[in-house]
């Protein structure tokens, strides 16, 4: 679900998922790859939703105290 929301630039769904998920579960979702080996942040950027990718980074830091930088993964 997070991959689809990110790929479509849907910040409302992303924020909703971050609010209803536990911190650990949301972190697992953020770090899960899809069948093409994309992370949610990759899906957002691949479809030119850079603001969505930035929001995913901010949510990950705020909720989990870690900063996503998938350019190095």
PDB file of N, CA and C in Angstrom:
ATOM      1  N   UNK A   1       0.820  -1.185   0.000  1.00  0.00           N
ATOM      2  CA  UNK A   1       0.000   0.000   0.000  1.00  0.00           C
ATOM      3  C   UNK A   1       0.872   1.259   0.000  1.00  0.00           C
ATOM      4  N   UNK A   2       1.953   1.256   0.788  1.00  0.00           N
ATOM      5  CA  UNK A   2       2.823   2.428   0.840  1.00  0.00           C
ATOM      6  C   UNK A   2       3.516   2.647  -0.500  1.00  0.00           C
ATOM      7  N   UNK A   3       3.920   1.570  -1.154  1.00  0.00           N
ATOM      8  CA  UNK A   3       4.557   1.705  -2.467  1.00  0.00           C
ATOM      9  C   UNK A   3       3.611   2.356  -3.470  1.00  0.00           C
ATOM     10  N   UNK A   4       2.362   1.946  -3.461  1.00  0.00           N
ATOM     11  CA  UNK A   4       1.379   2.504  -4.398  1.00  0.00           C
ATOM     12  C   UNK A   4       1.137   3.975  -4.090  1.00  0.00           C
ATOM     13  N   UNK A   5       0.980   4.301  -2.814  1.00  0.00           N
ATOM     14  CA  UNK A   5       0.768   5.699  -2.427  1.00  0.00           C
ATOM     15  C   UNK A   5       1.969   6.551  -2.823  1.00  0.00           C
ATOM     16  N   UNK A   6       3.168   6.049  -2.594  1.00  0.00           N
ATOM     17  CA  UNK A   6       4.374   6.800  -2.943  1.00  0.00           C
ATOM     18  C   UNK A   6       4.496   6.971  -4.454  1.00  0.00           C
ATOM     19  N   UNK A   7       4.230   5.909  -5.193  1.00  0.00           N
ATOM     20  CA  UNK A   7       4.336   5.966  -6.653  1.00  0.00           C
ATOM     21  C   UNK A   7       3.340   6.938  -7.266  1.00  0.00           C
ATOM     22  N   UNK A   8       2.233   7.186  -6.561  1.00  0.00           N
ATOM     23  CA  UNK A   8       1.212   8.114  -7.044  1.00  0.00           C
ATOM     24  C   UNK A   8       1.282   9.474  -6.370  1.00  0.00           C
ATOM     25  N   UNK A   9       2.275   9.671  -5.511  1.00  0.00           N
ATOM     26  CA  UNK A   9       2.446  10.961  -4.846  1.00  0.00           C
ATOM     27  C   UNK A   9       1.341  11.296  -3.866  1.00  0.00           C
ATOM     28  N   UNK A  10       0.718  10.289  -3.279  1.00  0.00           N
ATOM     29  CA  UNK A  10      -0.418  10.502  -2.386  1.00  0.00           C
ATOM     30  C   UNK A  10       0.050  10.669  -0.938  1.00  0.00           C
ATOM     31  N   UNK A  11       0.313  11.916  -0.564  1.00  0.00           N
ATOM     32  CA  UNK A  11       0.817  12.204   0.777  1.00  0.00           C
ATOM     33  C   UNK A  11      -0.210  11.920   1.864  1.00  0.00           C
ATOM     34  N   UNK A  12      -1.478  12.085   1.567  1.00  0.00           N
ATOM     35  CA  UNK A  12      -2.509  11.829   2.582  1.00  0.00           C
ATOM     36  C   UNK A  12      -2.493  10.371   3.027  1.00  0.00           C
ATOM     37  N   UNK A  13      -2.373   9.462   2.096  1.00  0.00           N
ATOM     38  CA  UNK A  13      -2.328   8.032   2.436  1.00  0.00           C
ATOM     39  C   UNK A  13      -1.045   7.713   3.194  1.00  0.00           C
ATOM     40  N   UNK A  14       0.068   8.283   2.761  1.00  0.00           N
ATOM     41  CA  UNK A  14       1.345   8.042   3.436  1.00  0.00           C
ATOM     42  C   UNK A  14       1.277   8.515   4.882  1.00  0.00           C
ATOM     43  N   UNK A  15       0.757   9.711   5.104  1.00  0.00           N
ATOM     44  CA  UNK A  15       0.635  10.230   6.468  1.00  0.00           C
ATOM     45  C   UNK A  15      -0.331   9.385   7.287  1.00  0.00           C
ATOM     46  N   UNK A  16      -1.429   8.959   6.673  1.00  0.00           N
ATOM     47  CA  UNK A  16      -2.392   8.101   7.364  1.00  0.00           C
ATOM     48  C   UNK A  16      -1.733   6.795   7.802  1.00  0.00           C
ATOM     49  N   UNK A  17      -0.992   6.163   6.904  1.00  0.00           N
ATOM     50  CA  UNK A  17      -0.324   4.907   7.243  1.00  0.00           C
ATOM     51  C   UNK A  17       0.705   5.100   8.349  1.00  0.00           C
ATOM     52  N   UNK A  18       1.412   6.228   8.332  1.00  0.00           N
ATOM     53  CA  UNK A  18       2.404   6.482   9.379  1.00  0.00           C
ATOM     54  C   UNK A  18       1.735   6.710  10.729  1.00  0.00           C
ATOM     55  N   UNK A  19       0.528   7.263  10.720  1.00  0.00           N
ATOM     56  CA  UNK A  19      -0.187   7.527  11.971  1.00  0.00           C
ATOM     57  C   UNK A  19      -0.811   6.270  12.571  1.00  0.00           C
ATOM     58  N   UNK A  20      -1.321   5.375  11.739  1.00  0.00           N
ATOM     59  CA  UNK A  20      -2.011   4.198  12.280  1.00  0.00           C
ATOM     60  C   UNK A  20      -1.076   3.019  12.531  1.00  0.00           C
ATOM     61  N   UNK A  21       0.125   3.067  11.980  1.00  0.00           N
ATOM     62  CA  UNK A  21       1.080   1.969  12.146  1.00  0.00           C
ATOM     63  C   UNK A  21       1.954   2.219  13.364  1.00  0.00           C
ATOM     64  N   UNK A  22       2.381   1.142  13.988  1.00  0.00           N
ATOM     65  CA  UNK A  22       3.373   1.298  15.047  1.00  0.00           C
ATOM     66  C   UNK A  22       4.685   1.755  14.405  1.00  0.00           C
ATOM     67  N   UNK A  23       5.560   2.320  15.209  1.00  0.00           N
ATOM     68  CA  UNK A  23       6.835   2.808  14.670  1.00  0.00           C
ATOM     69  C   UNK A  23       7.625   1.683  14.013  1.00  0.00           C
ATOM     70  N   UNK A  24       7.669   0.542  14.683  1.00  0.00           N
ATOM     71  CA  UNK A  24       8.421  -0.590  14.133  1.00  0.00           C
ATOM     72  C   UNK A  24       7.827  -1.085  12.818  1.00  0.00           C
ATOM     73  N   UNK A  25       6.509  -1.167  12.774  1.00  0.00           N
ATOM     74  CA  UNK A  25       5.865  -1.658  11.557  1.00  0.00           C
ATOM     75  C   UNK A  25       6.056  -0.680  10.403  1.00  0.00           C
ATOM     76  N   UNK A  26       5.917   0.613  10.684  1.00  0.00           N
ATOM     77  CA  UNK A  26       6.099   1.588   9.611  1.00  0.00           C
ATOM     78  C   UNK A  26       7.542   1.582   9.112  1.00  0.00           C
ATOM     79  N   UNK A  27       8.492   1.402  10.016  1.00  0.00           N
ATOM     80  CA  UNK A  27       9.893   1.306   9.599  1.00  0.00           C
ATOM     81  C   UNK A  27      10.085   0.099   8.685  1.00  0.00           C
ATOM     82  N   UNK A  28       9.463  -1.019   9.018  1.00  0.00           N
ATOM     83  CA  UNK A  28       9.553  -2.206   8.165  1.00  0.00           C
ATOM     84  C   UNK A  28       8.963  -1.944   6.787  1.00  0.00           C
ATOM     85  N   UNK A  29       7.846  -1.221   6.749  1.00  0.00           N
ATOM     86  CA  UNK A  29       7.221  -0.898   5.466  1.00  0.00           C
ATOM     87  C   UNK A  29       8.123   0.012   4.644  1.00  0.00           C
ATOM     88  N   UNK A  30       8.745   0.992   5.294  1.00  0.00           N
ATOM     89  CA  UNK A  30       9.643   1.913   4.589  1.00  0.00           C
ATOM     90  C   UNK A  30      10.833   1.189   3.975  1.00  0.00           C
ATOM     91  N   UNK A  31      11.270   0.131   4.642  1.00  0.00           N
ATOM     92  CA  UNK A  31      12.470  -0.580   4.190  1.00  0.00           C
ATOM     93  C   UNK A  31      12.158  -1.819   3.356  1.00  0.00           C
ATOM     94  N   UNK A  32      10.891  -2.019   3.038  1.00  0.00           N
ATOM     95  CA  UNK A  32      10.480  -3.176   2.237  1.00  0.00           C
ATOM     96  C   UNK A  32      10.620  -2.856   0.746  1.00  0.00           C
ATOM     97  N   UNK A  33      11.182  -3.787   0.013  1.00  0.00           N
ATOM     98  CA  UNK A  33      11.315  -3.627  -1.437  1.00  0.00           C
ATOM     99  C   UNK A  33      10.160  -4.330  -2.135  1.00  0.00           C
ATOM    100  N   UNK A  34       9.744  -3.768  -3.265  1.00  0.00           N
ATOM    101  CA  UNK A  34       8.695  -4.410  -4.050  1.00  0.00           C
ATOM    102  C   UNK A  34       9.322  -5.434  -5.001  1.00  0.00           C
ATOM    103  N   UNK A  35       8.533  -5.977  -5.891  1.00  0.00           N
ATOM    104  CA  UNK A  35       9.039  -7.034  -6.778  1.00  0.00           C
ATOM    105  C   UNK A  35      10.086  -6.546  -7.770  1.00  0.00           C
ATOM    106  N   UNK A  36      10.216  -5.233  -7.946  1.00  0.00           N
ATOM    107  CA  UNK A  36      11.239  -4.662  -8.821  1.00  0.00           C
ATOM    108  C   UNK A  36      12.408  -4.115  -8.016  1.00  0.00           C
ATOM    109  N   UNK A  37      12.456  -4.463  -6.739  1.00  0.00           N
ATOM    110  CA  UNK A  37      13.503  -4.037  -5.801  1.00  0.00           C
ATOM    111  C   UNK A  37      13.485  -2.541  -5.510  1.00  0.00           C
ATOM    112  N   UNK A  38      12.334  -1.911  -5.649  1.00  0.00           N
ATOM    113  CA  UNK A  38      12.187  -0.502  -5.302  1.00  0.00           C
ATOM    114  C   UNK A  38      11.673  -0.364  -3.877  1.00  0.00           C
ATOM    115  N   UNK A  39      12.200   0.616  -3.169  1.00  0.00           N
ATOM    116  CA  UNK A  39      11.658   1.032  -1.883  1.00  0.00           C
ATOM    117  C   UNK A  39      10.562   2.058  -2.168  1.00  0.00           C
ATOM    118  N   UNK A  40       9.688   2.339  -1.207  1.00  0.00           N
ATOM    119  CA  UNK A  40       8.654   3.350  -1.445  1.00  0.00           C
ATOM    120  C   UNK A  40       9.227   4.696  -1.896  1.00  0.00           C
ATOM    121  N   UNK A  41      10.321   5.100  -1.308  1.00  0.00           N
ATOM    122  CA  UNK A  41      10.922   6.382  -1.687  1.00  0.00           C
ATOM    123  C   UNK A  41      11.425   6.339  -3.133  1.00  0.00           C
ATOM    124  N   UNK A  42      11.915   5.183  -3.571  1.00  0.00           N
ATOM    125  CA  UNK A  42      12.343   5.030  -4.964  1.00  0.00           C
ATOM    126  C   UNK A  42      11.155   5.157  -5.909  1.00  0.00           C
ATOM    127  N   UNK A  43      10.027   4.554  -5.516  1.00  0.00           N
ATOM    128  CA  UNK A  43       8.818   4.616  -6.345  1.00  0.00           C
ATOM    129  C   UNK A  43       8.360   6.056  -6.513  1.00  0.00           C
ATOM    130  N   UNK A  44       8.432   6.823  -5.444  1.00  0.00           N
ATOM    131  CA  UNK A  44       8.038   8.234  -5.519  1.00  0.00           C
ATOM    132  C   UNK A  44       8.948   8.998  -6.471  1.00  0.00           C
ATOM    133  N   UNK A  45      10.232   8.822  -6.312  1.00  0.00           N
ATOM    134  CA  UNK A  45      11.189   9.570  -7.134  1.00  0.00           C
ATOM    135  C   UNK A  45      11.185   9.099  -8.584  1.00  0.00           C
ATOM    136  N   UNK A  46      10.970   7.826  -8.800  1.00  0.00           N
ATOM    137  CA  UNK A  46      10.907   7.291 -10.166  1.00  0.00           C
ATOM    138  C   UNK A  46       9.775   7.949 -10.958  1.00  0.00           C
ATOM    139  N   UNK A  47       8.703   8.293 -10.262  1.00  0.00           N
ATOM    140  CA  UNK A  47       7.550   8.922 -10.897  1.00  0.00           C
ATOM    141  C   UNK A  47       7.552  10.444 -10.733  1.00  0.00           C
ATOM    142  N   UNK A  48       8.703  10.991 -10.371  1.00  0.00           N
ATOM    143  CA  UNK A  48       8.917  12.439 -10.265  1.00  0.00           C
ATOM    144  C   UNK A  48       8.098  13.099  -9.163  1.00  0.00           C
ATOM    145  N   UNK A  49       7.772  12.354  -8.111  1.00  0.00           N
ATOM    146  CA  UNK A  49       7.114  12.918  -6.935  1.00  0.00           C
ATOM    147  C   UNK A  49       8.180  13.154  -5.866  1.00  0.00           C
ATOM    148  N   UNK A  50       9.055  14.111  -6.148  1.00  0.00           N
ATOM    149  CA  UNK A  50      10.177  14.373  -5.254  1.00  0.00           C
ATOM    150  C   UNK A  50       9.706  14.884  -3.898  1.00  0.00           C
ATOM    151  N   UNK A  51       8.628  15.662  -3.881  1.00  0.00           N
ATOM    152  CA  UNK A  51       8.089  16.141  -2.606  1.00  0.00           C
ATOM    153  C   UNK A  51       7.611  14.965  -1.750  1.00  0.00           C
ATOM    154  N   UNK A  52       7.107  13.927  -2.388  1.00  0.00           N
ATOM    155  CA  UNK A  52       6.669  12.740  -1.659  1.00  0.00           C
ATOM    156  C   UNK A  52       7.875  12.003  -1.087  1.00  0.00           C
ATOM    157  N   UNK A  53       8.931  11.890  -1.869  1.00  0.00           N
ATOM    158  CA  UNK A  53      10.164  11.278  -1.373  1.00  0.00           C
ATOM    159  C   UNK A  53      10.733  12.044  -0.200  1.00  0.00           C
ATOM    160  N   UNK A  54      10.713  13.362  -0.293  1.00  0.00           N
ATOM    161  CA  UNK A  54      11.197  14.190   0.813  1.00  0.00           C
ATOM    162  C   UNK A  54      10.329  14.006   2.053  1.00  0.00           C
ATOM    163  N   UNK A  55       9.035  13.919   1.858  1.00  0.00           N
ATOM    164  CA  UNK A  55       8.116  13.705   2.985  1.00  0.00           C
ATOM    165  C   UNK A  55       8.366  12.347   3.643  1.00  0.00           C
ATOM    166  N   UNK A  56       8.634  11.326   2.845  1.00  0.00           N
ATOM    167  CA  UNK A  56       8.958  10.013   3.408  1.00  0.00           C
ATOM    168  C   UNK A  56      10.226  10.085   4.251  1.00  0.00           C
ATOM    169  N   UNK A  57      11.202  10.841   3.794  1.00  0.00           N
ATOM    170  CA  UNK A  57      12.421  11.016   4.582  1.00  0.00           C
ATOM    171  C   UNK A  57      12.120  11.716   5.898  1.00  0.00           C
ATOM    172  N   UNK A  58      11.317  12.764   5.855  1.00  0.00           N
ATOM    173  CA  UNK A  58      10.988  13.503   7.071  1.00  0.00           C
ATOM    174  C   UNK A  58      10.179  12.651   8.043  1.00  0.00           C
ATOM    175  N   UNK A  59       9.220  11.902   7.533  1.00  0.00           N
ATOM    176  CA  UNK A  59       8.420  11.027   8.397  1.00  0.00           C
ATOM    177  C   UNK A  59       9.312   9.977   9.041  1.00  0.00           C
ATOM    178  N   UNK A  60      10.224   9.408   8.268  1.00  0.00           N
ATOM    179  CA  UNK A  60      11.094   8.364   8.809  1.00  0.00           C
ATOM    180  C   UNK A  60      11.954   8.907   9.936  1.00  0.00           C
ATOM    181  N   UNK A  61      12.427  10.138   9.793  1.00  0.00           N
ATOM    182  CA  UNK A  61      13.251  10.720  10.848  1.00  0.00           C
ATOM    183  C   UNK A  61      12.401  11.057  12.065  1.00  0.00           C
ATOM    184  N   UNK A  62      11.255  11.663  11.836  1.00  0.00           N
ATOM    185  CA  UNK A  62      10.372  12.069  12.933  1.00  0.00           C
ATOM    186  C   UNK A  62       9.865  10.864  13.719  1.00  0.00           C
ATOM    187  N   UNK A  63       9.414   9.853  13.023  1.00  0.00           N
ATOM    188  CA  UNK A  63       8.809   8.697  13.670  1.00  0.00           C
ATOM    189  C   UNK A  63       9.836   7.708  14.222  1.00  0.00           C
ATOM    190  N   UNK A  64      10.936   7.555  13.534  1.00  0.00           N
ATOM    191  CA  UNK A  64      11.853   6.463  13.867  1.00  0.00           C
ATOM    192  C   UNK A  64      13.263   6.911  14.211  1.00  0.00           C
ATOM    193  N   UNK A  65      13.500   8.203  14.154  1.00  0.00           N
ATOM    194  CA  UNK A  65      14.818   8.756  14.441  1.00  0.00           C
ATOM    195  C   UNK A  65      15.914   8.160  13.562  1.00  0.00           C
ATOM    196  N   UNK A  66      15.580   7.849  12.340  1.00  0.00           N
ATOM    197  CA  UNK A  66      16.608   7.491  11.370  1.00  0.00           C
ATOM    198  C   UNK A  66      16.290   8.199  10.070  1.00  0.00           C
ATOM    199  N   UNK A  67      17.326   8.477   9.344  1.00  0.00           N
ATOM    200  CA  UNK A  67      17.192   9.246   8.108  1.00  0.00           C
ATOM    201  C   UNK A  67      17.375   8.314   6.932  1.00  0.00           C
ATOM    202  N   UNK A  68      16.377   8.269   6.068  1.00  0.00           N
ATOM    203  CA  UNK A  68      16.457   7.430   4.876  1.00  0.00           C
ATOM    204  C   UNK A  68      17.287   8.114   3.807  1.00  0.00           C
ATOM    205  N   UNK A  69      18.276   7.419   3.322  1.00  0.00           N
ATOM    206  CA  UNK A  69      19.046   7.911   2.192  1.00  0.00           C
ATOM    207  C   UNK A  69      19.258   6.730   1.262  1.00  0.00           C
ATOM    208  N   UNK A  70      18.305   6.502   0.395  1.00  0.00           N
ATOM    209  CA  UNK A  70      18.341   5.317  -0.445  1.00  0.00           C
ATOM    210  C   UNK A  70      19.285   5.448  -1.626  1.00  0.00           C
ATOM    211  N   UNK A  71      19.893   6.600  -1.795  1.00  0.00           N
ATOM    212  CA  UNK A  71      20.858   6.732  -2.880  1.00  0.00           C
ATOM    213  C   UNK A  71      22.084   5.875  -2.606  1.00  0.00           C
ATOM    214  N   UNK A  72      22.323   5.546  -1.332  1.00  0.00           N
ATOM    215  CA  UNK A  72      23.495   4.763  -0.961  1.00  0.00           C
ATOM    216  C   UNK A  72      23.192   3.282  -0.773  1.00  0.00           C
ATOM    217  N   UNK A  73      21.936   2.888  -0.911  1.00  0.00           N
ATOM    218  CA  UNK A  73      21.577   1.475  -0.708  1.00  0.00           C
ATOM    219  C   UNK A  73      21.791   0.714  -2.001  1.00  0.00           C
TER     220      UNK A  73
END
